[in-house]
């Protein structure tokens, strides 16, 4: 598909995104009618209009295929190395993602903030995975400082996004299972908390909701 859609890279950005959405809807069709995998979304009412920060659990590749379906034109915080993947990286650049160079120390944070402010001015949803990488259901992994930095710098509400995709689409596994994946948005965390209180609340609420979703399946 990367080769087949190369021509879309020269389209106006809105037209390019429309093609991306069409492709992602085809992926959903394949998941449903060939893989027997569906999904539902709970709590969409908690997503405010305009820009906000979506702090999402990241259990598998599955949710990366849904972010443009959920948010239309999200600015996703991702490691800079992904932009250097031949051809695939071109699509990420055209989509206007927020790269972070994890080897650059304090300079990495400065670059991320510049791109995040630009996305916020464009009223885009800013998506970040607080743990920085895929985390299997039940696995514990530290919450990184990037989400707190965005929260304090941008003065935007943070909407926690829980899910249980790792049960049906495990990380580092070719095998997928039929069933229903649940995405649940939680009430937004308003700006104004100090760093420690924010991180504690985000982790408690996001992990609590995720554990509940995992146990229901």
C-alpha atoms as a PDB file:
ATOM      1  CA  UNK A   1       0.000   0.000   0.000  1.00  0.00           C
ATOM      2  CA  UNK A   2       2.915   2.369   0.649  1.00  0.00           C
ATOM      3  CA  UNK A   3       4.012   1.962  -2.965  1.00  0.00           C
ATOM      4  CA  UNK A   4       0.475   2.062  -4.372  1.00  0.00           C
ATOM      5  CA  UNK A   5      -0.346   5.346  -2.640  1.00  0.00           C
ATOM      6  CA  UNK A   6       2.856   7.239  -3.361  1.00  0.00           C
ATOM      7  CA  UNK A   7       0.933   9.594  -5.651  1.00  0.00           C
ATOM      8  CA  UNK A   8      -1.079  10.873  -2.653  1.00  0.00           C
ATOM      9  CA  UNK A   9       2.026  12.553  -1.197  1.00  0.00           C
ATOM     10  CA  UNK A  10       1.750  15.372  -3.751  1.00  0.00           C
ATOM     11  CA  UNK A  11      -1.925  16.052  -3.067  1.00  0.00           C
ATOM     12  CA  UNK A  12      -3.119  18.988  -0.950  1.00  0.00           C
ATOM     13  CA  UNK A  13      -2.959  17.952   2.693  1.00  0.00           C
ATOM     14  CA  UNK A  14      -6.732  17.654   3.181  1.00  0.00           C
ATOM     15  CA  UNK A  15      -7.029  15.441   0.097  1.00  0.00           C
ATOM     16  CA  UNK A  16      -4.112  13.359   1.359  1.00  0.00           C
ATOM     17  CA  UNK A  17      -5.865  12.854   4.719  1.00  0.00           C
ATOM     18  CA  UNK A  18      -9.085  11.851   2.975  1.00  0.00           C
ATOM     19  CA  UNK A  19      -7.213   9.051   1.196  1.00  0.00           C
ATOM     20  CA  UNK A  20      -5.679   7.993   4.522  1.00  0.00           C
ATOM     21  CA  UNK A  21      -9.160   7.800   6.059  1.00  0.00           C
ATOM     22  CA  UNK A  22     -10.426   5.719   3.135  1.00  0.00           C
ATOM     23  CA  UNK A  23      -7.536   3.279   3.535  1.00  0.00           C
ATOM     24  CA  UNK A  24      -8.116   2.999   7.288  1.00  0.00           C
ATOM     25  CA  UNK A  25     -11.814   2.266   6.761  1.00  0.00           C
ATOM     26  CA  UNK A  26     -10.748  -0.581   4.460  1.00  0.00           C
ATOM     27  CA  UNK A  27      -8.512  -1.898   7.245  1.00  0.00           C
ATOM     28  CA  UNK A  28     -11.525  -1.861   9.592  1.00  0.00           C
ATOM     29  CA  UNK A  29     -13.560  -3.794   6.999  1.00  0.00           C
ATOM     30  CA  UNK A  30     -10.814  -6.429   6.701  1.00  0.00           C
ATOM     31  CA  UNK A  31     -10.538  -6.733  10.477  1.00  0.00           C
ATOM     32  CA  UNK A  32     -14.291  -7.216  10.836  1.00  0.00           C
ATOM     33  CA  UNK A  33     -15.172  -9.487   7.933  1.00  0.00           C
ATOM     34  CA  UNK A  34     -11.967 -11.505   7.619  1.00  0.00           C
ATOM     35  CA  UNK A  35     -10.489 -11.402  11.114  1.00  0.00           C
ATOM     36  CA  UNK A  36     -13.730 -11.252  13.091  1.00  0.00           C
ATOM     37  CA  UNK A  37     -12.384  -8.273  15.057  1.00  0.00           C
ATOM     38  CA  UNK A  38     -14.634  -5.321  15.900  1.00  0.00           C
ATOM     39  CA  UNK A  39     -14.429  -2.433  18.321  1.00  0.00           C
ATOM     40  CA  UNK A  40     -16.560  -0.033  20.321  1.00  0.00           C
ATOM     41  CA  UNK A  41     -15.907   3.422  21.758  1.00  0.00           C
ATOM     42  CA  UNK A  42     -17.143   4.569  25.166  1.00  0.00           C
ATOM     43  CA  UNK A  43     -17.026   8.109  26.539  1.00  0.00           C
ATOM     44  CA  UNK A  44     -16.550  10.102  23.330  1.00  0.00           C
ATOM     45  CA  UNK A  45     -18.568  12.862  25.023  1.00  0.00           C
ATOM     46  CA  UNK A  46     -15.496  13.613  27.121  1.00  0.00           C
ATOM     47  CA  UNK A  47     -13.442  14.731  24.114  1.00  0.00           C
ATOM     48  CA  UNK A  48     -13.643  18.540  24.009  1.00  0.00           C
ATOM     49  CA  UNK A  49     -13.875  20.478  20.752  1.00  0.00           C
ATOM     50  CA  UNK A  50     -10.673  22.004  19.454  1.00  0.00           C
ATOM     51  CA  UNK A  51      -7.246  21.015  20.646  1.00  0.00           C
ATOM     52  CA  UNK A  52      -6.576  18.815  23.654  1.00  0.00           C
ATOM     53  CA  UNK A  53      -4.066  16.176  24.710  1.00  0.00           C
ATOM     54  CA  UNK A  54      -5.062  12.520  24.384  1.00  0.00           C
ATOM     55  CA  UNK A  55      -3.031  10.364  26.788  1.00  0.00           C
ATOM     56  CA  UNK A  56      -3.527   6.899  25.301  1.00  0.00           C
ATOM     57  CA  UNK A  57      -2.598   3.439  26.447  1.00  0.00           C
ATOM     58  CA  UNK A  58      -0.539   1.641  23.811  1.00  0.00           C
ATOM     59  CA  UNK A  59      -0.881  -2.143  23.815  1.00  0.00           C
ATOM     60  CA  UNK A  60      -0.519  -3.004  20.134  1.00  0.00           C
ATOM     61  CA  UNK A  61      -0.284  -1.703  16.592  1.00  0.00           C
ATOM     62  CA  UNK A  62      -4.086  -1.862  16.379  1.00  0.00           C
ATOM     63  CA  UNK A  63      -4.778   1.534  17.947  1.00  0.00           C
ATOM     64  CA  UNK A  64      -2.294   3.282  15.676  1.00  0.00           C
ATOM     65  CA  UNK A  65      -4.654   2.402  12.791  1.00  0.00           C
ATOM     66  CA  UNK A  66      -7.598   4.002  14.620  1.00  0.00           C
ATOM     67  CA  UNK A  67      -6.256   7.384  15.684  1.00  0.00           C
ATOM     68  CA  UNK A  68      -7.089   9.128  12.392  1.00  0.00           C
ATOM     69  CA  UNK A  69     -10.523   7.502  12.418  1.00  0.00           C
ATOM     70  CA  UNK A  70     -11.180   8.772  15.952  1.00  0.00           C
ATOM     71  CA  UNK A  71      -9.667  12.258  15.669  1.00  0.00           C
ATOM     72  CA  UNK A  72      -9.568  13.063  11.916  1.00  0.00           C
ATOM     73  CA  UNK A  73      -6.186  14.833  11.923  1.00  0.00           C
ATOM     74  CA  UNK A  74      -4.261  13.970  15.097  1.00  0.00           C
ATOM     75  CA  UNK A  75      -0.709  15.084  15.817  1.00  0.00           C
ATOM     76  CA  UNK A  76       0.880  11.961  17.284  1.00  0.00           C
ATOM     77  CA  UNK A  77       4.041  12.112  19.390  1.00  0.00           C
ATOM     78  CA  UNK A  78       6.391   9.432  18.068  1.00  0.00           C
ATOM     79  CA  UNK A  79      10.074   8.579  18.075  1.00  0.00           C
ATOM     80  CA  UNK A  80      12.001  10.399  15.375  1.00  0.00           C
ATOM     81  CA  UNK A  81      13.506   7.168  14.022  1.00  0.00           C
ATOM     82  CA  UNK A  82      10.140   6.274  12.495  1.00  0.00           C
ATOM     83  CA  UNK A  83      10.412   9.224  10.121  1.00  0.00           C
ATOM     84  CA  UNK A  84      13.543   7.669   8.651  1.00  0.00           C
ATOM     85  CA  UNK A  85      11.853   4.423   7.630  1.00  0.00           C
ATOM     86  CA  UNK A  86      12.017   4.323   3.810  1.00  0.00           C
ATOM     87  CA  UNK A  87       8.712   5.385   2.206  1.00  0.00           C
ATOM     88  CA  UNK A  88       6.643   4.821   5.373  1.00  0.00           C
ATOM     89  CA  UNK A  89       8.415   7.767   6.976  1.00  0.00           C
ATOM     90  CA  UNK A  90       7.308  10.004   4.112  1.00  0.00           C
ATOM     91  CA  UNK A  91       3.668   9.413   5.063  1.00  0.00           C
ATOM     92  CA  UNK A  92       4.392  10.249   8.700  1.00  0.00           C
ATOM     93  CA  UNK A  93       6.046  13.529   7.696  1.00  0.00           C
ATOM     94  CA  UNK A  94       3.153  14.431   5.389  1.00  0.00           C
ATOM     95  CA  UNK A  95       0.705  13.692   8.197  1.00  0.00           C
ATOM     96  CA  UNK A  96       2.350  16.278  10.435  1.00  0.00           C
ATOM     97  CA  UNK A  97       3.367  14.089  13.364  1.00  0.00           C
ATOM     98  CA  UNK A  98       5.351  15.315  16.387  1.00  0.00           C
ATOM     99  CA  UNK A  99       8.767  13.600  16.355  1.00  0.00           C
ATOM    100  CA  UNK A 100      10.928  13.324  19.445  1.00  0.00           C
ATOM    101  CA  UNK A 101      14.621  12.525  19.276  1.00  0.00           C
ATOM    102  CA  UNK A 102      15.162  10.458  22.401  1.00  0.00           C
ATOM    103  CA  UNK A 103      18.943  10.708  22.051  1.00  0.00           C
ATOM    104  CA  UNK A 104      18.984  14.523  22.064  1.00  0.00           C
ATOM    105  CA  UNK A 105      18.343  15.089  25.783  1.00  0.00           C
ATOM    106  CA  UNK A 106      16.834  18.492  26.630  1.00  0.00           C
ATOM    107  CA  UNK A 107      16.868  19.512  22.954  1.00  0.00           C
ATOM    108  CA  UNK A 108      14.360  16.728  22.273  1.00  0.00           C
ATOM    109  CA  UNK A 109      11.831  18.337  24.602  1.00  0.00           C
ATOM    110  CA  UNK A 110      12.296  21.730  22.966  1.00  0.00           C
ATOM    111  CA  UNK A 111      11.658  20.319  19.500  1.00  0.00           C
ATOM    112  CA  UNK A 112       8.585  18.427  20.692  1.00  0.00           C
ATOM    113  CA  UNK A 113       7.126  21.569  22.277  1.00  0.00           C
ATOM    114  CA  UNK A 114       7.594  23.641  19.144  1.00  0.00           C
ATOM    115  CA  UNK A 115       5.706  21.072  17.054  1.00  0.00           C
ATOM    116  CA  UNK A 116       3.043  20.658  19.762  1.00  0.00           C
ATOM    117  CA  UNK A 117       2.362  24.411  19.914  1.00  0.00           C
ATOM    118  CA  UNK A 118       1.941  24.422  16.132  1.00  0.00           C
ATOM    119  CA  UNK A 119      -0.542  21.538  16.336  1.00  0.00           C
ATOM    120  CA  UNK A 120      -2.450  23.239  19.152  1.00  0.00           C
ATOM    121  CA  UNK A 121      -2.762  26.456  17.133  1.00  0.00           C
ATOM    122  CA  UNK A 122      -4.242  24.377  14.316  1.00  0.00           C
ATOM    123  CA  UNK A 123      -6.795  22.965  16.820  1.00  0.00           C
ATOM    124  CA  UNK A 124      -5.553  19.398  16.297  1.00  0.00           C
ATOM    125  CA  UNK A 125      -5.772  16.652  18.897  1.00  0.00           C
ATOM    126  CA  UNK A 126      -2.310  15.862  20.282  1.00  0.00           C
ATOM    127  CA  UNK A 127      -1.891  12.159  21.006  1.00  0.00           C
ATOM    128  CA  UNK A 128       0.845  10.839  23.270  1.00  0.00           C
ATOM    129  CA  UNK A 129       1.488   7.390  24.715  1.00  0.00           C
ATOM    130  CA  UNK A 130       2.534   8.206  28.311  1.00  0.00           C
ATOM    131  CA  UNK A 131       4.549   5.011  28.714  1.00  0.00           C
ATOM    132  CA  UNK A 132       6.431   5.690  25.496  1.00  0.00           C
ATOM    133  CA  UNK A 133       6.050   2.244  23.954  1.00  0.00           C
ATOM    134  CA  UNK A 134       3.708  -0.709  23.643  1.00  0.00           C
ATOM    135  CA  UNK A 135       2.832  -2.253  26.998  1.00  0.00           C
ATOM    136  CA  UNK A 136       1.089  -5.631  27.140  1.00  0.00           C
ATOM    137  CA  UNK A 137      -2.012  -6.074  29.326  1.00  0.00           C
ATOM    138  CA  UNK A 138      -0.900  -6.599  32.903  1.00  0.00           C
ATOM    139  CA  UNK A 139       2.632  -5.370  32.236  1.00  0.00           C
ATOM    140  CA  UNK A 140       3.904  -2.475  34.339  1.00  0.00           C
ATOM    141  CA  UNK A 141       5.944   0.260  32.745  1.00  0.00           C
ATOM    142  CA  UNK A 142       6.974   3.702  33.971  1.00  0.00           C
ATOM    143  CA  UNK A 143       5.040   6.777  32.830  1.00  0.00           C
ATOM    144  CA  UNK A 144       7.437   9.117  31.014  1.00  0.00           C
ATOM    145  CA  UNK A 145       7.758  12.836  31.690  1.00  0.00           C
ATOM    146  CA  UNK A 146       6.709  13.913  28.184  1.00  0.00           C
ATOM    147  CA  UNK A 147       2.979  13.901  28.906  1.00  0.00           C
ATOM    148  CA  UNK A 148       3.460  16.096  32.011  1.00  0.00           C
ATOM    149  CA  UNK A 149       5.633  18.489  30.022  1.00  0.00           C
ATOM    150  CA  UNK A 150       2.919  18.858  27.370  1.00  0.00           C
ATOM    151  CA  UNK A 151       0.236  19.309  30.045  1.00  0.00           C
ATOM    152  CA  UNK A 152       2.115  22.134  31.740  1.00  0.00           C
ATOM    153  CA  UNK A 153       3.421  23.805  28.593  1.00  0.00           C
ATOM    154  CA  UNK A 154       0.236  23.824  26.496  1.00  0.00           C
ATOM    155  CA  UNK A 155      -2.278  24.453  29.293  1.00  0.00           C
ATOM    156  CA  UNK A 156      -4.746  22.081  27.617  1.00  0.00           C
ATOM    157  CA  UNK A 157      -7.038  19.440  29.115  1.00  0.00           C
ATOM    158  CA  UNK A 158      -5.762  15.873  29.027  1.00  0.00           C
ATOM    159  CA  UNK A 159      -8.221  13.108  28.088  1.00  0.00           C
ATOM    160  CA  UNK A 160      -7.087   9.630  29.215  1.00  0.00           C
ATOM    161  CA  UNK A 161      -7.764   6.906  26.632  1.00  0.00           C
ATOM    162  CA  UNK A 162      -7.957   3.345  27.992  1.00  0.00           C
ATOM    163  CA  UNK A 163      -8.220   0.218  25.836  1.00  0.00           C
ATOM    164  CA  UNK A 164      -7.725  -3.551  25.760  1.00  0.00           C
ATOM    165  CA  UNK A 165      -6.423  -4.107  22.226  1.00  0.00           C
ATOM    166  CA  UNK A 166      -3.473  -6.175  23.438  1.00  0.00           C
ATOM    167  CA  UNK A 167      -5.783  -9.068  24.252  1.00  0.00           C
ATOM    168  CA  UNK A 168      -6.732  -9.591  20.598  1.00  0.00           C
ATOM    169  CA  UNK A 169      -3.718  -8.081  18.807  1.00  0.00           C
ATOM    170  CA  UNK A 170      -0.694  -8.868  21.022  1.00  0.00           C
ATOM    171  CA  UNK A 171       2.502  -6.900  20.527  1.00  0.00           C
ATOM    172  CA  UNK A 172       5.268  -8.679  18.609  1.00  0.00           C
ATOM    173  CA  UNK A 173       2.855 -11.373  17.464  1.00  0.00           C
ATOM    174  CA  UNK A 174       1.614 -12.148  13.960  1.00  0.00           C
ATOM    175  CA  UNK A 175      -1.445 -13.942  15.371  1.00  0.00           C
ATOM    176  CA  UNK A 176      -4.663 -11.964  15.893  1.00  0.00           C
ATOM    177  CA  UNK A 177      -7.808 -13.139  17.677  1.00  0.00           C
ATOM    178  CA  UNK A 178     -11.467 -12.440  16.830  1.00  0.00           C
ATOM    179  CA  UNK A 179     -13.513 -10.456  19.324  1.00  0.00           C
ATOM    180  CA  UNK A 180     -14.400  -6.929  20.350  1.00  0.00           C
ATOM    181  CA  UNK A 181     -11.865  -4.309  21.437  1.00  0.00           C
ATOM    182  CA  UNK A 182     -13.027  -1.478  23.692  1.00  0.00           C
ATOM    183  CA  UNK A 183     -11.702   2.071  23.705  1.00  0.00           C
ATOM    184  CA  UNK A 184     -12.818   4.160  26.674  1.00  0.00           C
ATOM    185  CA  UNK A 185     -12.270   7.899  27.036  1.00  0.00           C
ATOM    186  CA  UNK A 186     -12.249   9.174  30.610  1.00  0.00           C
ATOM    187  CA  UNK A 187     -13.255  12.618  31.915  1.00  0.00           C
ATOM    188  CA  UNK A 188     -10.612  15.214  31.014  1.00  0.00           C
ATOM    189  CA  UNK A 189      -8.019  16.353  33.512  1.00  0.00           C
ATOM    190  CA  UNK A 190      -8.269  20.148  33.534  1.00  0.00           C
ATOM    191  CA  UNK A 191      -5.142  22.323  33.360  1.00  0.00           C
ATOM    192  CA  UNK A 192      -3.685  23.675  36.580  1.00  0.00           C
ATOM    193  CA  UNK A 193      -2.465  20.673  38.568  1.00  0.00           C
ATOM    194  CA  UNK A 194       1.150  20.501  39.623  1.00  0.00           C
ATOM    195  CA  UNK A 195       3.337  17.893  37.949  1.00  0.00           C
ATOM    196  CA  UNK A 196       3.177  15.283  40.706  1.00  0.00           C
ATOM    197  CA  UNK A 197      -0.584  15.495  41.212  1.00  0.00           C
ATOM    198  CA  UNK A 198      -1.191  15.337  37.469  1.00  0.00           C
ATOM    199  CA  UNK A 199       0.986  12.269  36.931  1.00  0.00           C
ATOM    200  CA  UNK A 200      -0.543  10.475  39.910  1.00  0.00           C
ATOM    201  CA  UNK A 201      -4.085  11.157  38.750  1.00  0.00           C
ATOM    202  CA  UNK A 202      -3.376  10.220  35.132  1.00  0.00           C
ATOM    203  CA  UNK A 203      -1.710   6.943  36.047  1.00  0.00           C
ATOM    204  CA  UNK A 204      -4.343   5.955  38.612  1.00  0.00           C
ATOM    205  CA  UNK A 205      -7.278   6.682  36.308  1.00  0.00           C
ATOM    206  CA  UNK A 206      -5.754   5.276  33.116  1.00  0.00           C
ATOM    207  CA  UNK A 207      -4.416   2.103  34.696  1.00  0.00           C
ATOM    208  CA  UNK A 208      -7.618   1.555  36.657  1.00  0.00           C
ATOM    209  CA  UNK A 209      -9.814   1.842  33.561  1.00  0.00           C
ATOM    210  CA  UNK A 210      -7.468  -0.310  31.471  1.00  0.00           C
ATOM    211  CA  UNK A 211      -7.362  -3.077  34.094  1.00  0.00           C
ATOM    212  CA  UNK A 212     -11.146  -3.039  34.234  1.00  0.00           C
ATOM    213  CA  UNK A 213     -11.434  -3.374  30.452  1.00  0.00           C
ATOM    214  CA  UNK A 214      -8.888  -6.198  30.366  1.00  0.00           C
ATOM    215  CA  UNK A 215     -10.729  -8.147  33.048  1.00  0.00           C
ATOM    216  CA  UNK A 216     -14.102  -7.837  31.292  1.00  0.00           C
ATOM    217  CA  UNK A 217     -12.987  -9.764  28.195  1.00  0.00           C
END
